Amino acid sequence: MPPPRRHVWPAITAVAVAAAVGAGGYAWMAVAERATALQDMRTEQARWQQRQRSLETERENLLLELEAALRIGERLSDRVDTLERDLAEARATRLDVREIRSPAEFPIERAMAEAGDTVSGFAAREGTTEAVVRALNPWLKDAETLEAFQTLWVPKRP
C-alpha cells in the first residue's frame, strides 16, 4: 500500500476553513436580518401601542358623551312624564262642548265714531264711561280724539 499523501490535509483544512468562513458569513447575515426584523417589529409595536392609547382616549370621550346623553335623556323623560300627566289631567277636566244653533249673544257691540268725537264724548253718546271704552279698545292708549267712521267696541245697551 502506498504511503498516505500529506498534501491532502492542507486541502481538507482549506475546505474546512472555507466552510467555516462561509457558515460564519451566513450566520452574520442571519443575525443582521434578525436585527432588522426585530427593529421592524419594535417600530410596529410602538405604532400599535400609540393606536391603543388613542383608542383608549376615544373610548373615554365616548363614555363621557354617553353619560351626558343619558342625563339629557333622563331630563327629557321627566319632562315627557310631566307633559303626559298634564295632558291626562286636561283630558279629564275637558269641558263639554255643546252646539249652538243660534247666533251667539255677546255683551258688547261695535259703534262708529263721528268726525270730531273725543273718547269721552263718544262714551257719553254711547251711554258708558271713558274708562270702559278704553278697556274694551286697548289700542286707543292715550288718544283723545277719534277719526271719523272709526269703529270701537262698546257695551250693549239693555
N, C-alpha and C. Protein backbone atom coordinates (compact mmCIF):
# COMPACT_ATOMS: atom_id res chain seq x y z
N MET A 1 0.80 -1.14 0.00
CA MET A 1 0.00 0.00 0.00
C MET A 1 0.87 1.24 0.00
N PRO A 2 0.38 2.18 -0.77
CA PRO A 2 1.24 3.34 -0.85
C PRO A 2 1.10 4.20 0.43
N PRO A 3 2.06 4.93 0.72
CA PRO A 3 2.03 5.76 1.94
C PRO A 3 1.01 6.91 1.78
N PRO A 4 0.38 7.35 2.86
CA PRO A 4 -0.63 8.41 2.77
C PRO A 4 0.00 9.70 2.24
N ARG A 5 -0.81 10.37 1.54
CA ARG A 5 -0.32 11.62 0.97
C ARG A 5 -0.53 12.75 1.96
N ARG A 6 0.50 13.48 2.06
CA ARG A 6 0.45 14.55 3.04
C ARG A 6 -0.16 15.82 2.42
N HIS A 7 -0.22 15.96 1.18
CA HIS A 7 -0.72 17.19 0.59
C HIS A 7 -2.26 17.25 0.59
N VAL A 8 -2.94 16.22 0.97
CA VAL A 8 -4.41 16.20 1.04
C VAL A 8 -4.88 16.97 2.27
N TRP A 9 -4.15 16.87 3.34
CA TRP A 9 -4.58 17.54 4.58
C TRP A 9 -4.66 19.05 4.44
N PRO A 10 -3.76 19.70 3.80
CA PRO A 10 -3.91 21.14 3.65
C PRO A 10 -5.15 21.48 2.82
N ALA A 11 -5.51 20.69 1.84
CA ALA A 11 -6.69 20.94 1.03
C ALA A 11 -7.95 20.76 1.86
N ILE A 12 -7.95 19.70 2.67
CA ILE A 12 -9.11 19.45 3.53
C ILE A 12 -9.23 20.58 4.55
N THR A 13 -8.11 21.02 5.06
CA THR A 13 -8.10 22.11 6.04
C THR A 13 -8.61 23.38 5.37
N ALA A 14 -8.17 23.63 4.14
CA ALA A 14 -8.62 24.82 3.42
C ALA A 14 -10.11 24.75 3.17
N VAL A 15 -10.61 23.58 2.80
CA VAL A 15 -12.04 23.41 2.57
C VAL A 15 -12.81 23.62 3.87
N ALA A 16 -12.28 23.08 4.97
CA ALA A 16 -12.94 23.23 6.26
C ALA A 16 -12.96 24.69 6.68
N VAL A 17 -11.86 25.39 6.47
CA VAL A 17 -11.79 26.81 6.83
C VAL A 17 -12.78 27.60 5.97
N ALA A 18 -12.82 27.29 4.67
CA ALA A 18 -13.74 27.98 3.76
C ALA A 18 -15.17 27.72 4.18
N ALA A 19 -15.46 26.48 4.57
CA ALA A 19 -16.82 26.15 5.02
C ALA A 19 -17.16 26.91 6.30
N ALA A 20 -16.18 26.99 7.20
CA ALA A 20 -16.41 27.71 8.45
C ALA A 20 -16.62 29.19 8.18
N VAL A 21 -15.83 29.76 7.30
CA VAL A 21 -15.97 31.17 6.95
C VAL A 21 -17.32 31.40 6.28
N GLY A 22 -17.70 30.49 5.39
CA GLY A 22 -19.00 30.60 4.71
C GLY A 22 -20.13 30.50 5.70
N ALA A 23 -20.02 29.56 6.64
CA ALA A 23 -21.07 29.42 7.65
C ALA A 23 -21.12 30.64 8.54
N GLY A 24 -19.93 31.17 8.86
CA GLY A 24 -19.89 32.39 9.68
C GLY A 24 -20.51 33.56 8.95
N GLY A 25 -20.25 33.68 7.67
CA GLY A 25 -20.84 34.75 6.87
C GLY A 25 -22.35 34.60 6.81
N TYR A 26 -22.80 33.36 6.64
CA TYR A 26 -24.23 33.10 6.62
C TYR A 26 -24.84 33.46 7.97
N ALA A 27 -24.16 33.05 9.03
CA ALA A 27 -24.65 33.35 10.38
C ALA A 27 -24.68 34.86 10.58
N TRP A 28 -23.64 35.57 10.10
CA TRP A 28 -23.61 37.01 10.23
C TRP A 28 -24.79 37.65 9.49
N MET A 29 -25.10 37.16 8.30
CA MET A 29 -26.24 37.66 7.53
C MET A 29 -27.55 37.35 8.24
N ALA A 30 -27.63 36.15 8.80
CA ALA A 30 -28.85 35.77 9.53
C ALA A 30 -29.04 36.67 10.74
N VAL A 31 -27.96 36.97 11.46
CA VAL A 31 -28.04 37.85 12.63
C VAL A 31 -28.45 39.26 12.20
N ALA A 32 -27.88 39.75 11.10
CA ALA A 32 -28.23 41.09 10.60
C ALA A 32 -29.70 41.14 10.19
N GLU A 33 -30.19 40.11 9.49
CA GLU A 33 -31.60 40.05 9.10
C GLU A 33 -32.50 39.99 10.32
N ARG A 34 -32.05 39.23 11.32
CA ARG A 34 -32.83 39.11 12.57
C ARG A 34 -32.90 40.47 13.26
N ALA A 35 -31.80 41.20 13.30
CA ALA A 35 -31.78 42.52 13.93
C ALA A 35 -32.71 43.48 13.19
N THR A 36 -32.69 43.43 11.86
CA THR A 36 -33.58 44.28 11.07
C THR A 36 -35.04 43.92 11.33
N ALA A 37 -35.33 42.61 11.37
CA ALA A 37 -36.71 42.16 11.63
C ALA A 37 -37.15 42.60 13.02
N LEU A 38 -36.26 42.50 14.01
CA LEU A 38 -36.61 42.92 15.37
C LEU A 38 -36.88 44.42 15.41
N GLN A 39 -36.06 45.20 14.70
CA GLN A 39 -36.28 46.65 14.68
C GLN A 39 -37.63 46.97 14.03
N ASP A 40 -37.96 46.27 12.92
CA ASP A 40 -39.26 46.47 12.28
C ASP A 40 -40.39 46.12 13.22
N MET A 41 -40.23 45.05 13.98
CA MET A 41 -41.27 44.62 14.94
C MET A 41 -41.41 45.64 16.07
N ARG A 42 -40.28 46.21 16.53
CA ARG A 42 -40.35 47.23 17.58
C ARG A 42 -41.09 48.47 17.07
N THR A 43 -40.79 48.87 15.83
CA THR A 43 -41.48 50.01 15.24
C THR A 43 -42.97 49.73 15.13
N GLU A 44 -43.33 48.54 14.67
CA GLU A 44 -44.73 48.14 14.55
C GLU A 44 -45.40 48.10 15.92
N GLN A 45 -44.67 47.61 16.92
CA GLN A 45 -45.21 47.54 18.29
C GLN A 45 -45.48 48.96 18.81
N ALA A 46 -44.56 49.88 18.58
CA ALA A 46 -44.75 51.27 19.02
C ALA A 46 -45.96 51.89 18.33
N ARG A 47 -46.12 51.59 17.05
CA ARG A 47 -47.28 52.11 16.31
C ARG A 47 -48.58 51.58 16.88
N TRP A 48 -48.61 50.29 17.19
CA TRP A 48 -49.83 49.69 17.75
C TRP A 48 -50.10 50.19 19.18
N GLN A 49 -49.04 50.44 19.94
CA GLN A 49 -49.24 50.98 21.29
C GLN A 49 -49.83 52.40 21.21
N GLN A 50 -49.33 53.19 20.26
CA GLN A 50 -49.89 54.53 20.06
C GLN A 50 -51.35 54.44 19.65
N ARG A 51 -51.66 53.52 18.76
CA ARG A 51 -53.05 53.32 18.32
C ARG A 51 -53.92 52.92 19.50
N GLN A 52 -53.40 52.04 20.36
CA GLN A 52 -54.15 51.61 21.55
C GLN A 52 -54.43 52.80 22.47
N ARG A 53 -53.42 53.67 22.68
CA ARG A 53 -53.63 54.84 23.53
C ARG A 53 -54.69 55.77 22.94
N SER A 54 -54.64 55.97 21.62
CA SER A 54 -55.63 56.86 21.00
C SER A 54 -57.03 56.26 21.09
N LEU A 55 -57.14 54.93 20.96
CA LEU A 55 -58.45 54.28 21.09
C LEU A 55 -58.97 54.37 22.53
N GLU A 56 -58.06 54.26 23.50
CA GLU A 56 -58.48 54.39 24.89
C GLU A 56 -58.98 55.80 25.17
N THR A 57 -58.30 56.81 24.61
CA THR A 57 -58.74 58.20 24.77
C THR A 57 -60.11 58.39 24.12
N GLU A 58 -60.26 57.84 22.92
CA GLU A 58 -61.55 57.94 22.22
C GLU A 58 -62.65 57.27 23.02
N ARG A 59 -62.34 56.13 23.61
CA ARG A 59 -63.31 55.39 24.43
C ARG A 59 -63.75 56.24 25.62
N GLU A 60 -62.77 56.89 26.29
CA GLU A 60 -63.09 57.74 27.44
C GLU A 60 -64.01 58.89 27.01
N ASN A 61 -63.70 59.52 25.88
CA ASN A 61 -64.53 60.63 25.38
C ASN A 61 -65.94 60.15 25.05
N LEU A 62 -66.05 58.99 24.43
CA LEU A 62 -67.36 58.44 24.10
C LEU A 62 -68.16 58.11 25.36
N LEU A 63 -67.48 57.61 26.39
CA LEU A 63 -68.17 57.34 27.65
C LEU A 63 -68.70 58.63 28.27
N LEU A 64 -67.90 59.69 28.21
CA LEU A 64 -68.36 60.97 28.75
C LEU A 64 -69.58 61.48 27.97
N GLU A 65 -69.52 61.36 26.64
CA GLU A 65 -70.65 61.78 25.81
C GLU A 65 -71.89 60.95 26.11
N LEU A 66 -71.71 59.66 26.30
CA LEU A 66 -72.83 58.77 26.61
C LEU A 66 -73.46 59.14 27.94
N GLU A 67 -72.64 59.42 28.94
CA GLU A 67 -73.16 59.82 30.25
C GLU A 67 -73.96 61.11 30.13
N ALA A 68 -73.44 62.07 29.37
CA ALA A 68 -74.16 63.33 29.17
C ALA A 68 -75.48 63.10 28.46
N ALA A 69 -75.46 62.24 27.44
CA ALA A 69 -76.69 61.93 26.70
C ALA A 69 -77.70 61.24 27.60
N LEU A 70 -77.23 60.36 28.48
CA LEU A 70 -78.15 59.69 29.40
C LEU A 70 -78.77 60.69 30.37
N ARG A 71 -77.98 61.66 30.85
CA ARG A 71 -78.54 62.68 31.75
C ARG A 71 -79.59 63.51 31.02
N ILE A 72 -79.29 63.88 29.78
CA ILE A 72 -80.26 64.64 28.98
C ILE A 72 -81.51 63.80 28.76
N GLY A 73 -81.32 62.53 28.45
CA GLY A 73 -82.46 61.63 28.24
C GLY A 73 -83.33 61.51 29.48
N GLU A 74 -82.70 61.46 30.66
CA GLU A 74 -83.47 61.39 31.90
C GLU A 74 -84.30 62.66 32.08
N ARG A 75 -83.68 63.82 31.81
CA ARG A 75 -84.43 65.08 31.96
C ARG A 75 -85.58 65.13 30.95
N LEU A 76 -85.32 64.69 29.72
CA LEU A 76 -86.38 64.69 28.72
C LEU A 76 -87.49 63.71 29.11
N SER A 77 -87.09 62.58 29.65
CA SER A 77 -88.07 61.59 30.08
C SER A 77 -88.94 62.17 31.20
N ASP A 78 -88.32 62.88 32.14
CA ASP A 78 -89.09 63.52 33.20
C ASP A 78 -90.05 64.56 32.62
N ARG A 79 -89.57 65.32 31.64
CA ARG A 79 -90.41 66.33 31.01
C ARG A 79 -91.58 65.69 30.28
N VAL A 80 -91.32 64.59 29.57
CA VAL A 80 -92.39 63.88 28.87
C VAL A 80 -93.41 63.35 29.87
N ASP A 81 -92.93 62.81 30.99
CA ASP A 81 -93.85 62.31 32.03
C ASP A 81 -94.74 63.44 32.54
N THR A 82 -94.15 64.61 32.77
CA THR A 82 -94.92 65.75 33.24
C THR A 82 -95.96 66.17 32.20
N LEU A 83 -95.56 66.23 30.95
CA LEU A 83 -96.49 66.59 29.89
C LEU A 83 -97.61 65.57 29.74
N GLU A 84 -97.29 64.30 29.88
CA GLU A 84 -98.33 63.27 29.80
C GLU A 84 -99.31 63.40 30.95
N ARG A 85 -98.80 63.71 32.17
CA ARG A 85 -99.71 63.91 33.30
C ARG A 85 -100.60 65.13 33.07
N ASP A 86 -99.99 66.21 32.54
CA ASP A 86 -100.78 67.40 32.25
C ASP A 86 -101.84 67.12 31.19
N LEU A 87 -101.47 66.35 30.18
CA LEU A 87 -102.43 66.01 29.13
C LEU A 87 -103.56 65.16 29.69
N ALA A 88 -103.21 64.17 30.51
CA ALA A 88 -104.25 63.32 31.11
C ALA A 88 -105.18 64.16 31.99
N GLU A 89 -104.62 65.10 32.73
CA GLU A 89 -105.44 65.97 33.57
C GLU A 89 -106.33 66.86 32.71
N ALA A 90 -105.77 67.37 31.62
CA ALA A 90 -106.55 68.22 30.72
C ALA A 90 -107.69 67.44 30.09
N ARG A 91 -107.42 66.20 29.73
CA ARG A 91 -108.49 65.36 29.14
C ARG A 91 -109.56 65.04 30.17
N ALA A 92 -109.15 64.86 31.43
CA ALA A 92 -110.11 64.53 32.48
C ALA A 92 -111.00 65.73 32.81
N THR A 93 -110.48 66.94 32.68
CA THR A 93 -111.25 68.13 33.03
C THR A 93 -111.81 68.82 31.79
N ARG A 94 -111.90 68.12 30.72
CA ARG A 94 -112.39 68.68 29.46
C ARG A 94 -113.83 69.14 29.59
N LEU A 95 -114.11 70.29 29.06
CA LEU A 95 -115.47 70.81 29.11
C LEU A 95 -116.31 70.17 28.02
N ASP A 96 -117.56 70.02 28.34
CA ASP A 96 -118.48 69.52 27.33
C ASP A 96 -118.75 70.63 26.32
N VAL A 97 -118.66 70.31 25.07
CA VAL A 97 -118.92 71.27 24.02
C VAL A 97 -120.32 71.02 23.51
N ARG A 98 -121.10 72.07 23.53
CA ARG A 98 -122.45 71.95 23.01
C ARG A 98 -122.59 72.79 21.75
N GLU A 99 -123.31 72.28 20.84
CA GLU A 99 -123.51 73.00 19.60
C GLU A 99 -124.53 74.11 19.83
N ILE A 100 -124.17 75.29 19.35
CA ILE A 100 -125.09 76.43 19.45
C ILE A 100 -125.71 76.61 18.07
N ARG A 101 -127.01 76.53 18.03
CA ARG A 101 -127.68 76.59 16.73
C ARG A 101 -128.32 77.95 16.47
N SER A 102 -127.93 78.93 17.23
CA SER A 102 -128.46 80.27 17.03
C SER A 102 -127.30 81.25 17.18
N PRO A 103 -127.50 82.50 16.79
CA PRO A 103 -126.41 83.47 16.93
C PRO A 103 -126.00 83.60 18.40
N ALA A 104 -124.72 83.71 18.62
CA ALA A 104 -124.23 83.87 19.99
C ALA A 104 -124.48 85.31 20.43
N GLU A 105 -124.81 85.47 21.67
CA GLU A 105 -125.09 86.79 22.22
C GLU A 105 -123.90 87.21 23.06
N PHE A 106 -123.28 88.32 22.69
CA PHE A 106 -122.16 88.88 23.43
C PHE A 106 -122.60 90.18 24.06
N PRO A 107 -122.04 90.53 25.19
CA PRO A 107 -122.47 91.76 25.88
C PRO A 107 -121.83 93.02 25.32
N ILE A 108 -121.18 92.91 24.15
CA ILE A 108 -120.58 94.08 23.54
C ILE A 108 -121.01 94.18 22.08
N GLU A 109 -120.86 95.37 21.52
CA GLU A 109 -121.17 95.58 20.11
C GLU A 109 -120.26 96.66 19.56
N ARG A 110 -120.27 96.85 18.23
CA ARG A 110 -119.44 97.86 17.59
C ARG A 110 -120.26 99.14 17.44
N ALA A 111 -119.57 100.26 17.63
CA ALA A 111 -120.19 101.57 17.41
C ALA A 111 -119.19 102.41 16.62
N MET A 112 -119.72 103.37 15.83
CA MET A 112 -118.86 104.14 14.95
C MET A 112 -118.76 105.58 15.44
N ALA A 113 -117.52 106.08 15.45
CA ALA A 113 -117.29 107.47 15.86
C ALA A 113 -117.65 108.43 14.74
N GLU A 114 -117.99 109.63 15.13
CA GLU A 114 -118.29 110.67 14.15
C GLU A 114 -117.11 111.62 14.08
N ALA A 115 -117.05 112.43 13.06
CA ALA A 115 -115.95 113.38 12.89
C ALA A 115 -115.90 114.31 14.09
N GLY A 116 -114.72 114.51 14.67
CA GLY A 116 -114.53 115.42 15.79
C GLY A 116 -114.84 114.82 17.16
N ASP A 117 -115.21 113.55 17.23
CA ASP A 117 -115.51 112.91 18.52
C ASP A 117 -114.25 112.79 19.36
N THR A 118 -114.43 113.00 20.67
CA THR A 118 -113.38 112.67 21.63
C THR A 118 -113.79 111.36 22.28
N VAL A 119 -112.85 110.72 22.99
CA VAL A 119 -113.17 109.44 23.63
C VAL A 119 -114.26 109.66 24.68
N SER A 120 -114.16 110.72 25.45
CA SER A 120 -115.18 110.96 26.49
C SER A 120 -116.53 111.32 25.88
N GLY A 121 -116.52 112.11 24.80
CA GLY A 121 -117.79 112.46 24.14
C GLY A 121 -118.43 111.24 23.50
N PHE A 122 -117.60 110.41 22.86
CA PHE A 122 -118.12 109.17 22.25
C PHE A 122 -118.72 108.27 23.32
N ALA A 123 -118.03 108.11 24.47
CA ALA A 123 -118.51 107.27 25.56
C ALA A 123 -119.84 107.79 26.09
N ALA A 124 -119.97 109.09 26.26
CA ALA A 124 -121.23 109.67 26.77
C ALA A 124 -122.37 109.41 25.79
N ARG A 125 -122.09 109.59 24.48
CA ARG A 125 -123.13 109.35 23.47
C ARG A 125 -123.58 107.89 23.47
N GLU A 126 -122.66 106.94 23.76
CA GLU A 126 -122.99 105.52 23.75
C GLU A 126 -123.49 105.02 25.11
N GLY A 127 -123.57 105.90 26.08
CA GLY A 127 -124.13 105.55 27.38
C GLY A 127 -123.18 104.75 28.27
N THR A 128 -121.90 105.04 28.19
CA THR A 128 -120.90 104.35 29.02
C THR A 128 -119.86 105.36 29.49
N THR A 129 -118.81 104.89 30.08
CA THR A 129 -117.76 105.79 30.57
C THR A 129 -116.52 105.67 29.69
N GLU A 130 -115.65 106.69 29.81
CA GLU A 130 -114.40 106.68 29.05
C GLU A 130 -113.52 105.48 29.45
N ALA A 131 -113.48 105.14 30.73
CA ALA A 131 -112.66 104.02 31.21
C ALA A 131 -113.11 102.70 30.58
N VAL A 132 -114.43 102.51 30.43
CA VAL A 132 -114.94 101.27 29.83
C VAL A 132 -114.57 101.22 28.35
N VAL A 133 -114.70 102.35 27.65
CA VAL A 133 -114.34 102.39 26.22
C VAL A 133 -112.85 102.07 26.06
N ARG A 134 -112.01 102.64 26.91
CA ARG A 134 -110.57 102.38 26.82
C ARG A 134 -110.25 100.92 27.18
N ALA A 135 -110.98 100.36 28.11
CA ALA A 135 -110.74 98.96 28.50
C ALA A 135 -111.13 98.01 27.36
N LEU A 136 -112.22 98.29 26.65
CA LEU A 136 -112.67 97.43 25.55
C LEU A 136 -111.86 97.66 24.27
N ASN A 137 -111.16 98.79 24.18
CA ASN A 137 -110.39 99.15 22.99
C ASN A 137 -108.98 99.56 23.41
N PRO A 138 -108.15 98.60 23.82
CA PRO A 138 -106.83 98.95 24.37
C PRO A 138 -105.90 99.63 23.37
N TRP A 139 -106.17 99.57 22.10
CA TRP A 139 -105.30 100.21 21.12
C TRP A 139 -105.44 101.75 21.14
N LEU A 140 -106.45 102.25 21.83
CA LEU A 140 -106.60 103.70 21.92
C LEU A 140 -105.51 104.33 22.78
N LYS A 141 -105.02 103.63 23.76
CA LYS A 141 -103.97 104.09 24.69
C LYS A 141 -104.28 105.50 25.18
N ASP A 142 -103.49 106.48 24.76
CA ASP A 142 -103.65 107.85 25.27
C ASP A 142 -104.36 108.77 24.27
N ALA A 143 -104.95 108.22 23.22
CA ALA A 143 -105.60 109.05 22.20
C ALA A 143 -106.80 109.77 22.81
N GLU A 144 -106.98 111.04 22.44
CA GLU A 144 -108.10 111.83 22.94
C GLU A 144 -109.17 112.00 21.86
N THR A 145 -108.75 112.15 20.61
CA THR A 145 -109.71 112.35 19.52
C THR A 145 -109.80 111.09 18.68
N LEU A 146 -110.96 110.90 18.10
CA LEU A 146 -111.21 109.72 17.26
C LEU A 146 -111.37 110.18 15.82
N GLU A 147 -111.08 109.27 14.90
CA GLU A 147 -111.25 109.57 13.49
C GLU A 147 -112.70 109.30 13.09
N ALA A 148 -113.14 109.97 12.06
CA ALA A 148 -114.49 109.75 11.55
C ALA A 148 -114.61 108.33 11.04
N PHE A 149 -115.69 107.68 11.34
CA PHE A 149 -116.01 106.31 10.93
C PHE A 149 -115.14 105.25 11.63
N GLN A 150 -114.40 105.66 12.65
CA GLN A 150 -113.62 104.67 13.41
C GLN A 150 -114.60 103.84 14.24
N THR A 151 -114.44 102.48 14.20
CA THR A 151 -115.35 101.62 14.96
C THR A 151 -114.67 101.15 16.23
N LEU A 152 -115.47 101.15 17.30
CA LEU A 152 -114.96 100.76 18.61
C LEU A 152 -115.94 99.80 19.27
N TRP A 153 -115.44 99.02 20.20
CA TRP A 153 -116.29 98.14 20.99
C TRP A 153 -116.91 98.95 22.14
N VAL A 154 -118.18 98.73 22.36
CA VAL A 154 -118.88 99.37 23.48
C VAL A 154 -119.83 98.33 24.09
N PRO A 155 -120.21 98.52 25.36
CA PRO A 155 -121.18 97.59 25.96
C PRO A 155 -122.54 97.73 25.28
N LYS A 156 -123.27 96.62 25.20
CA LYS A 156 -124.63 96.68 24.64
C LYS A 156 -125.53 97.39 25.63
N ARG A 157 -126.46 98.13 25.08
CA ARG A 157 -127.43 98.79 25.93
C ARG A 157 -128.56 97.80 26.22
N PRO A 158 -129.09 97.85 27.44
CA PRO A 158 -130.17 96.91 27.77
C PRO A 158 -131.45 97.15 27.00
